[in-house]
Amino acid sequence: MEFITDRITIDSEICNGKPIIRNKRITVQTILEFLSAGELQEEILRQYPSLEKEDIYACLKFVSDLMKRNFTIKTVA
């Protein structure tokens, strides 16, 4: 298991190695999809009572940090 932050981890045995929140089977992607669909934090927390508001902030911070990296697009034949 790799600790990305104190709230975001990656474990190849959980959710196919996607970043997850505090070793729960809730992926960062799931939370971001809810937010991008316009869901309010309060509704996400109601649907996932084991989450904390800080978990949602950690997801946003994780993705923000990820976007600071440089990416190169290569054509694959």
PDB file of N, CA and C in Angstrom:
ATOM      1  N   MET A   1       0.842  -1.170   0.000  1.00  0.00           N
ATOM      2  CA  MET A   1       0.000   0.000   0.000  1.00  0.00           C
ATOM      3  C   MET A   1       0.888   1.234   0.000  1.00  0.00           C
ATOM      4  N   GLU A   2       0.477   2.233  -0.740  1.00  0.00           N
ATOM      5  CA  GLU A   2       1.208   3.490  -0.791  1.00  0.00           C
ATOM      6  C   GLU A   2       0.317   4.598  -0.248  1.00  0.00           C
ATOM      7  N   PHE A   3       0.867   5.359   0.688  1.00  0.00           N
ATOM      8  CA  PHE A   3       0.142   6.488   1.247  1.00  0.00           C
ATOM      9  C   PHE A   3       0.472   7.724   0.425  1.00  0.00           C
ATOM     10  N   ILE A   4      -0.507   8.252  -0.285  1.00  0.00           N
ATOM     11  CA  ILE A   4      -0.315   9.468  -1.061  1.00  0.00           C
ATOM     12  C   ILE A   4      -0.403  10.657  -0.111  1.00  0.00           C
ATOM     13  N   THR A   5      -1.406  10.657   0.726  1.00  0.00           N
ATOM     14  CA  THR A   5      -1.562  11.611   1.821  1.00  0.00           C
ATOM     15  C   THR A   5      -2.048  10.789   3.008  1.00  0.00           C
ATOM     16  N   ASP A   6      -2.363  11.445   4.095  1.00  0.00           N
ATOM     17  CA  ASP A   6      -2.903  10.691   5.229  1.00  0.00           C
ATOM     18  C   ASP A   6      -4.321  10.192   4.955  1.00  0.00           C
ATOM     19  N   ARG A   7      -4.954  10.676   3.890  1.00  0.00           N
ATOM     20  CA  ARG A   7      -6.321  10.268   3.567  1.00  0.00           C
ATOM     21  C   ARG A   7      -6.446   9.511   2.251  1.00  0.00           C
ATOM     22  N   ILE A   8      -5.487   9.654   1.361  1.00  0.00           N
ATOM     23  CA  ILE A   8      -5.545   9.006   0.051  1.00  0.00           C
ATOM     24  C   ILE A   8      -4.474   7.922  -0.015  1.00  0.00           C
ATOM     25  N   THR A   9      -4.901   6.711  -0.347  1.00  0.00           N
ATOM     26  CA  THR A   9      -3.968   5.590  -0.452  1.00  0.00           C
ATOM     27  C   THR A   9      -4.190   4.853  -1.769  1.00  0.00           C
ATOM     28  N   ILE A  10      -3.183   4.093  -2.148  1.00  0.00           N
ATOM     29  CA  ILE A  10      -3.289   3.219  -3.314  1.00  0.00           C
ATOM     30  C   ILE A  10      -2.868   1.827  -2.871  1.00  0.00           C
ATOM     31  N   ASP A  11      -3.756   0.877  -3.077  1.00  0.00           N
ATOM     32  CA  ASP A  11      -3.498  -0.516  -2.716  1.00  0.00           C
ATOM     33  C   ASP A  11      -3.932  -1.367  -3.902  1.00  0.00           C
ATOM     34  N   SER A  12      -3.013  -2.107  -4.480  1.00  0.00           N
ATOM     35  CA  SER A  12      -3.331  -2.904  -5.672  1.00  0.00           C
ATOM     36  C   SER A  12      -4.430  -3.930  -5.409  1.00  0.00           C
ATOM     37  N   GLU A  13      -4.687  -4.241  -4.156  1.00  0.00           N
ATOM     38  CA  GLU A  13      -5.710  -5.228  -3.798  1.00  0.00           C
ATOM     39  C   GLU A  13      -7.101  -4.615  -3.614  1.00  0.00           C
ATOM     40  N   ILE A  14      -7.187  -3.292  -3.629  1.00  0.00           N
ATOM     41  CA  ILE A  14      -8.477  -2.620  -3.405  1.00  0.00           C
ATOM     42  C   ILE A  14      -8.801  -1.758  -4.623  1.00  0.00           C
ATOM     43  N   CYS A  15      -9.975  -1.946  -5.198  1.00  0.00           N
ATOM     44  CA  CYS A  15     -10.469  -1.155  -6.338  1.00  0.00           C
ATOM     45  C   CYS A  15      -9.469  -1.115  -7.493  1.00  0.00           C
ATOM     46  N   ASN A  16      -8.827  -2.239  -7.752  1.00  0.00           N
ATOM     47  CA  ASN A  16      -7.892  -2.373  -8.873  1.00  0.00           C
ATOM     48  C   ASN A  16      -6.761  -1.346  -8.826  1.00  0.00           C
ATOM     49  N   GLY A  17      -6.376  -0.924  -7.648  1.00  0.00           N
ATOM     50  CA  GLY A  17      -5.245  -0.016  -7.512  1.00  0.00           C
ATOM     51  C   GLY A  17      -5.556   1.444  -7.737  1.00  0.00           C
ATOM     52  N   LYS A  18      -6.833   1.789  -7.842  1.00  0.00           N
ATOM     53  CA  LYS A  18      -7.194   3.204  -7.984  1.00  0.00           C
ATOM     54  C   LYS A  18      -6.996   3.903  -6.645  1.00  0.00           C
ATOM     55  N   PRO A  19      -6.716   5.203  -6.667  1.00  0.00           N
ATOM     56  CA  PRO A  19      -6.604   5.942  -5.405  1.00  0.00           C
ATOM     57  C   PRO A  19      -7.932   5.881  -4.638  1.00  0.00           C
ATOM     58  N   ILE A  20      -7.835   5.552  -3.356  1.00  0.00           N
ATOM     59  CA  ILE A  20      -9.021   5.412  -2.511  1.00  0.00           C
ATOM     60  C   ILE A  20      -8.890   6.289  -1.263  1.00  0.00           C
ATOM     61  N   ILE A  21      -9.997   6.457  -0.592  1.00  0.00           N
ATOM     62  CA  ILE A  21     -10.050   7.303   0.590  1.00  0.00           C
ATOM     63  C   ILE A  21      -9.963   6.436   1.845  1.00  0.00           C
ATOM     64  N   ARG A  22      -8.938   6.660   2.636  1.00  0.00           N
ATOM     65  CA  ARG A  22      -8.727   6.015   3.933  1.00  0.00           C
ATOM     66  C   ARG A  22      -9.005   4.514   3.923  1.00  0.00           C
ATOM     67  N   ASN A  23      -8.470   3.822   2.929  1.00  0.00           N
ATOM     68  CA  ASN A  23      -8.607   2.357   2.806  1.00  0.00           C
ATOM     69  C   ASN A  23     -10.044   1.873   2.699  1.00  0.00           C
ATOM     70  N   LYS A  24     -10.950   2.764   2.364  1.00  0.00           N
ATOM     71  CA  LYS A  24     -12.336   2.363   2.126  1.00  0.00           C
ATOM     72  C   LYS A  24     -12.460   2.029   0.646  1.00  0.00           C
ATOM     73  N   ARG A  25     -13.496   1.399   0.278  1.00  0.00           N
ATOM     74  CA  ARG A  25     -13.713   1.082  -1.138  1.00  0.00           C
ATOM     75  C   ARG A  25     -14.465   2.226  -1.812  1.00  0.00           C
ATOM     76  N   ILE A  26     -13.997   3.425  -1.537  1.00  0.00           N
ATOM     77  CA  ILE A  26     -14.541   4.627  -2.167  1.00  0.00           C
ATOM     78  C   ILE A  26     -13.373   5.292  -2.887  1.00  0.00           C
ATOM     79  N   THR A  27     -13.477   5.382  -4.208  1.00  0.00           N
ATOM     80  CA  THR A  27     -12.362   5.929  -4.976  1.00  0.00           C
ATOM     81  C   THR A  27     -12.434   7.454  -5.055  1.00  0.00           C
ATOM     82  N   VAL A  28     -11.272   8.030  -5.265  1.00  0.00           N
ATOM     83  CA  VAL A  28     -11.195   9.474  -5.508  1.00  0.00           C
ATOM     84  C   VAL A  28     -12.031   9.797  -6.744  1.00  0.00           C
ATOM     85  N   GLN A  29     -11.962   8.945  -7.739  1.00  0.00           N
ATOM     86  CA  GLN A  29     -12.723   9.148  -8.969  1.00  0.00           C
ATOM     87  C   GLN A  29     -14.222   9.255  -8.698  1.00  0.00           C
ATOM     88  N   THR A  30     -14.743   8.407  -7.832  1.00  0.00           N
ATOM     89  CA  THR A  30     -16.167   8.438  -7.504  1.00  0.00           C
ATOM     90  C   THR A  30     -16.564   9.792  -6.944  1.00  0.00           C
ATOM     91  N   ILE A  31     -15.774  10.292  -6.007  1.00  0.00           N
ATOM     92  CA  ILE A  31     -16.092  11.580  -5.384  1.00  0.00           C
ATOM     93  C   ILE A  31     -16.009  12.701  -6.416  1.00  0.00           C
ATOM     94  N   LEU A  32     -14.987  12.669  -7.264  1.00  0.00           N
ATOM     95  CA  LEU A  32     -14.846  13.700  -8.292  1.00  0.00           C
ATOM     96  C   LEU A  32     -15.987  13.654  -9.300  1.00  0.00           C
ATOM     97  N   GLU A  33     -16.464  12.470  -9.617  1.00  0.00           N
ATOM     98  CA  GLU A  33     -17.596  12.352 -10.539  1.00  0.00           C
ATOM     99  C   GLU A  33     -18.856  12.952  -9.930  1.00  0.00           C
ATOM    100  N   PHE A  34     -19.068  12.715  -8.641  1.00  0.00           N
ATOM    101  CA  PHE A  34     -20.212  13.341  -7.964  1.00  0.00           C
ATOM    102  C   PHE A  34     -20.100  14.856  -8.018  1.00  0.00           C
ATOM    103  N   LEU A  35     -18.928  15.374  -7.684  1.00  0.00           N
ATOM    104  CA  LEU A  35     -18.728  16.827  -7.666  1.00  0.00           C
ATOM    105  C   LEU A  35     -18.894  17.421  -9.062  1.00  0.00           C
ATOM    106  N   SER A  36     -18.355  16.755 -10.081  1.00  0.00           N
ATOM    107  CA  SER A  36     -18.450  17.287 -11.441  1.00  0.00           C
ATOM    108  C   SER A  36     -19.883  17.244 -11.967  1.00  0.00           C
ATOM    109  N   ALA A  37     -20.706  16.386 -11.393  1.00  0.00           N
ATOM    110  CA  ALA A  37     -22.119  16.316 -11.771  1.00  0.00           C
ATOM    111  C   ALA A  37     -22.951  17.365 -11.031  1.00  0.00           C
ATOM    112  N   GLY A  38     -22.281  18.153 -10.173  1.00  0.00           N
ATOM    113  CA  GLY A  38     -22.980  19.214  -9.455  1.00  0.00           C
ATOM    114  C   GLY A  38     -23.490  18.818  -8.084  1.00  0.00           C
ATOM    115  N   GLU A  39     -23.118  17.641  -7.615  1.00  0.00           N
ATOM    116  CA  GLU A  39     -23.565  17.170  -6.297  1.00  0.00           C
ATOM    117  C   GLU A  39     -22.920  18.027  -5.203  1.00  0.00           C
ATOM    118  N   LEU A  40     -23.680  18.362  -4.206  1.00  0.00           N
ATOM    119  CA  LEU A  40     -23.161  19.133  -3.076  1.00  0.00           C
ATOM    120  C   LEU A  40     -22.412  18.218  -2.110  1.00  0.00           C
ATOM    121  N   GLN A  41     -21.438  18.790  -1.427  1.00  0.00           N
ATOM    122  CA  GLN A  41     -20.668  18.019  -0.447  1.00  0.00           C
ATOM    123  C   GLN A  41     -21.584  17.363   0.579  1.00  0.00           C
ATOM    124  N   GLU A  42     -22.578  18.089   1.018  1.00  0.00           N
ATOM    125  CA  GLU A  42     -23.487  17.570   2.043  1.00  0.00           C
ATOM    126  C   GLU A  42     -24.203  16.313   1.559  1.00  0.00           C
ATOM    127  N   GLU A  43     -24.576  16.292   0.271  1.00  0.00           N
ATOM    128  CA  GLU A  43     -25.265  15.128  -0.280  1.00  0.00           C
ATOM    129  C   GLU A  43     -24.312  13.939  -0.389  1.00  0.00           C
ATOM    130  N   ILE A  44     -23.073  14.188  -0.787  1.00  0.00           N
ATOM    131  CA  ILE A  44     -22.088  13.121  -0.857  1.00  0.00           C
ATOM    132  C   ILE A  44     -21.863  12.534   0.527  1.00  0.00           C
ATOM    133  N   LEU A  45     -21.746  13.388   1.520  1.00  0.00           N
ATOM    134  CA  LEU A  45     -21.535  12.924   2.896  1.00  0.00           C
ATOM    135  C   LEU A  45     -22.752  12.157   3.419  1.00  0.00           C
ATOM    136  N   ARG A  46     -23.937  12.521   2.965  1.00  0.00           N
ATOM    137  CA  ARG A  46     -25.140  11.791   3.373  1.00  0.00           C
ATOM    138  C   ARG A  46     -25.146  10.401   2.739  1.00  0.00           C
ATOM    139  N   GLN A  47     -24.716  10.326   1.472  1.00  0.00           N
ATOM    140  CA  GLN A  47     -24.704   9.049   0.767  1.00  0.00           C
ATOM    141  C   GLN A  47     -23.586   8.131   1.264  1.00  0.00           C
ATOM    142  N   TYR A  48     -22.516   8.716   1.745  1.00  0.00           N
ATOM    143  CA  TYR A  48     -21.363   7.966   2.259  1.00  0.00           C
ATOM    144  C   TYR A  48     -21.070   8.433   3.686  1.00  0.00           C
ATOM    145  N   PRO A  49     -21.836   7.960   4.655  1.00  0.00           N
ATOM    146  CA  PRO A  49     -21.699   8.456   6.027  1.00  0.00           C
ATOM    147  C   PRO A  49     -20.336   8.198   6.669  1.00  0.00           C
ATOM    148  N   SER A  50     -19.553   7.302   6.113  1.00  0.00           N
ATOM    149  CA  SER A  50     -18.222   7.048   6.690  1.00  0.00           C
ATOM    150  C   SER A  50     -17.197   8.092   6.245  1.00  0.00           C
ATOM    151  N   LEU A  51     -17.567   8.919   5.276  1.00  0.00           N
ATOM    152  CA  LEU A  51     -16.663   9.975   4.816  1.00  0.00           C
ATOM    153  C   LEU A  51     -16.760  11.208   5.705  1.00  0.00           C
ATOM    154  N   GLU A  52     -15.708  11.998   5.660  1.00  0.00           N
ATOM    155  CA  GLU A  52     -15.662  13.283   6.351  1.00  0.00           C
ATOM    156  C   GLU A  52     -15.415  14.369   5.315  1.00  0.00           C
ATOM    157  N   LYS A  53     -15.799  15.579   5.644  1.00  0.00           N
ATOM    158  CA  LYS A  53     -15.614  16.694   4.726  1.00  0.00           C
ATOM    159  C   LYS A  53     -14.151  16.805   4.283  1.00  0.00           C
ATOM    160  N   GLU A  54     -13.242  16.521   5.193  1.00  0.00           N
ATOM    161  CA  GLU A  54     -11.810  16.583   4.880  1.00  0.00           C
ATOM    162  C   GLU A  54     -11.417  15.570   3.803  1.00  0.00           C
ATOM    163  N   ASP A  55     -12.153  14.460   3.692  1.00  0.00           N
ATOM    164  CA  ASP A  55     -11.887  13.468   2.647  1.00  0.00           C
ATOM    165  C   ASP A  55     -12.161  14.065   1.267  1.00  0.00           C
ATOM    166  N   ILE A  56     -13.225  14.830   1.160  1.00  0.00           N
ATOM    167  CA  ILE A  56     -13.562  15.466  -0.116  1.00  0.00           C
ATOM    168  C   ILE A  56     -12.491  16.494  -0.478  1.00  0.00           C
ATOM    169  N   TYR A  57     -12.059  17.276   0.504  1.00  0.00           N
ATOM    170  CA  TYR A  57     -10.980  18.246   0.259  1.00  0.00           C
ATOM    171  C   TYR A  57      -9.700  17.526  -0.163  1.00  0.00           C
ATOM    172  N   ALA A  58      -9.421  16.379   0.436  1.00  0.00           N
ATOM    173  CA  ALA A  58      -8.221  15.612   0.092  1.00  0.00           C
ATOM    174  C   ALA A  58      -8.285  15.126  -1.359  1.00  0.00           C
ATOM    175  N   CYS A  59      -9.471  14.740  -1.823  1.00  0.00           N
ATOM    176  CA  CYS A  59      -9.632  14.328  -3.221  1.00  0.00           C
ATOM    177  C   CYS A  59      -9.309  15.479  -4.167  1.00  0.00           C
ATOM    178  N   LEU A  60      -9.825  16.646  -3.846  1.00  0.00           N
ATOM    179  CA  LEU A  60      -9.566  17.816  -4.689  1.00  0.00           C
ATOM    180  C   LEU A  60      -8.090  18.194  -4.677  1.00  0.00           C
ATOM    181  N   LYS A  61      -7.468  18.124  -3.521  1.00  0.00           N
ATOM    182  CA  LYS A  61      -6.045  18.444  -3.403  1.00  0.00           C
ATOM    183  C   LYS A  61      -5.214  17.425  -4.176  1.00  0.00           C
ATOM    184  N   PHE A  62      -5.572  16.156  -4.076  1.00  0.00           N
ATOM    185  CA  PHE A  62      -4.859  15.100  -4.786  1.00  0.00           C
ATOM    186  C   PHE A  62      -4.856  15.367  -6.289  1.00  0.00           C
ATOM    187  N   VAL A  63      -6.019  15.676  -6.845  1.00  0.00           N
ATOM    188  CA  VAL A  63      -6.124  15.913  -8.276  1.00  0.00           C
ATOM    189  C   VAL A  63      -5.426  17.216  -8.662  1.00  0.00           C
ATOM    190  N   SER A  64      -5.530  18.216  -7.829  1.00  0.00           N
ATOM    191  CA  SER A  64      -4.838  19.475  -8.093  1.00  0.00           C
ATOM    192  C   SER A  64      -3.331  19.249  -8.156  1.00  0.00           C
ATOM    193  N   ASP A  65      -2.796  18.475  -7.220  1.00  0.00           N
ATOM    194  CA  ASP A  65      -1.368  18.162  -7.225  1.00  0.00           C
ATOM    195  C   ASP A  65      -0.988  17.341  -8.454  1.00  0.00           C
ATOM    196  N   LEU A  66      -1.853  16.436  -8.851  1.00  0.00           N
ATOM    197  CA  LEU A  66      -1.600  15.611 -10.028  1.00  0.00           C
ATOM    198  C   LEU A  66      -1.509  16.476 -11.287  1.00  0.00           C
ATOM    199  N   MET A  67      -2.330  17.506 -11.371  1.00  0.00           N
ATOM    200  CA  MET A  67      -2.350  18.357 -12.550  1.00  0.00           C
ATOM    201  C   MET A  67      -1.146  19.290 -12.626  1.00  0.00           C
ATOM    202  N   LYS A  68      -0.358  19.369 -11.585  1.00  0.00           N
ATOM    203  CA  LYS A  68       0.861  20.182 -11.605  1.00  0.00           C
ATOM    204  C   LYS A  68       1.980  19.499 -12.389  1.00  0.00           C
ATOM    205  N   ARG A  69       1.799  18.231 -12.689  1.00  0.00           N
ATOM    206  CA  ARG A  69       2.826  17.467 -13.403  1.00  0.00           C
ATOM    207  C   ARG A  69       2.746  17.730 -14.903  1.00  0.00           C
ATOM    208  N   ASN A  70       3.828  17.474 -15.585  1.00  0.00           N
ATOM    209  CA  ASN A  70       3.864  17.596 -17.043  1.00  0.00           C
ATOM    210  C   ASN A  70       3.489  16.267 -17.668  1.00  0.00           C
ATOM    211  N   PHE A  71       2.737  16.333 -18.752  1.00  0.00           N
ATOM    212  CA  PHE A  71       2.305  15.138 -19.450  1.00  0.00           C
ATOM    213  C   PHE A  71       2.706  15.239 -20.926  1.00  0.00           C
ATOM    214  N   THR A  72       3.037  14.112 -21.520  1.00  0.00           N
ATOM    215  CA  THR A  72       3.356  14.049 -22.929  1.00  0.00           C
ATOM    216  C   THR A  72       2.425  13.025 -23.577  1.00  0.00           C
ATOM    217  N   ILE A  73       1.852  13.427 -24.695  1.00  0.00           N
ATOM    218  CA  ILE A  73       0.960  12.528 -25.424  1.00  0.00           C
ATOM    219  C   ILE A  73       1.770  11.920 -26.575  1.00  0.00           C
ATOM    220  N   LYS A  74       1.796  10.597 -26.629  1.00  0.00           N
ATOM    221  CA  LYS A  74       2.526   9.894 -27.672  1.00  0.00           C
ATOM    222  C   LYS A  74       1.543   9.024 -28.461  1.00  0.00           C
ATOM    223  N   THR A  75       1.739   8.985 -29.757  1.00  0.00           N
ATOM    224  CA  THR A  75       0.927   8.126 -30.603  1.00  0.00           C
ATOM    225  C   THR A  75       1.449   6.701 -30.505  1.00  0.00           C
ATOM    226  N   VAL A  76       0.533   5.777 -30.281  1.00  0.00           N
ATOM    227  CA  VAL A  76       0.883   4.366 -30.203  1.00  0.00           C
ATOM    228  C   VAL A  76       0.300   3.681 -31.427  1.00  0.00           C
ATOM    229  N   ALA A  77       1.139   2.974 -32.134  1.00  0.00           N
ATOM    230  CA  ALA A  77       0.686   2.335 -33.376  1.00  0.00           C
ATOM    231  C   ALA A  77      -0.165   1.135 -33.114  1.00  0.00           C
TER     232      ALA A  77
END
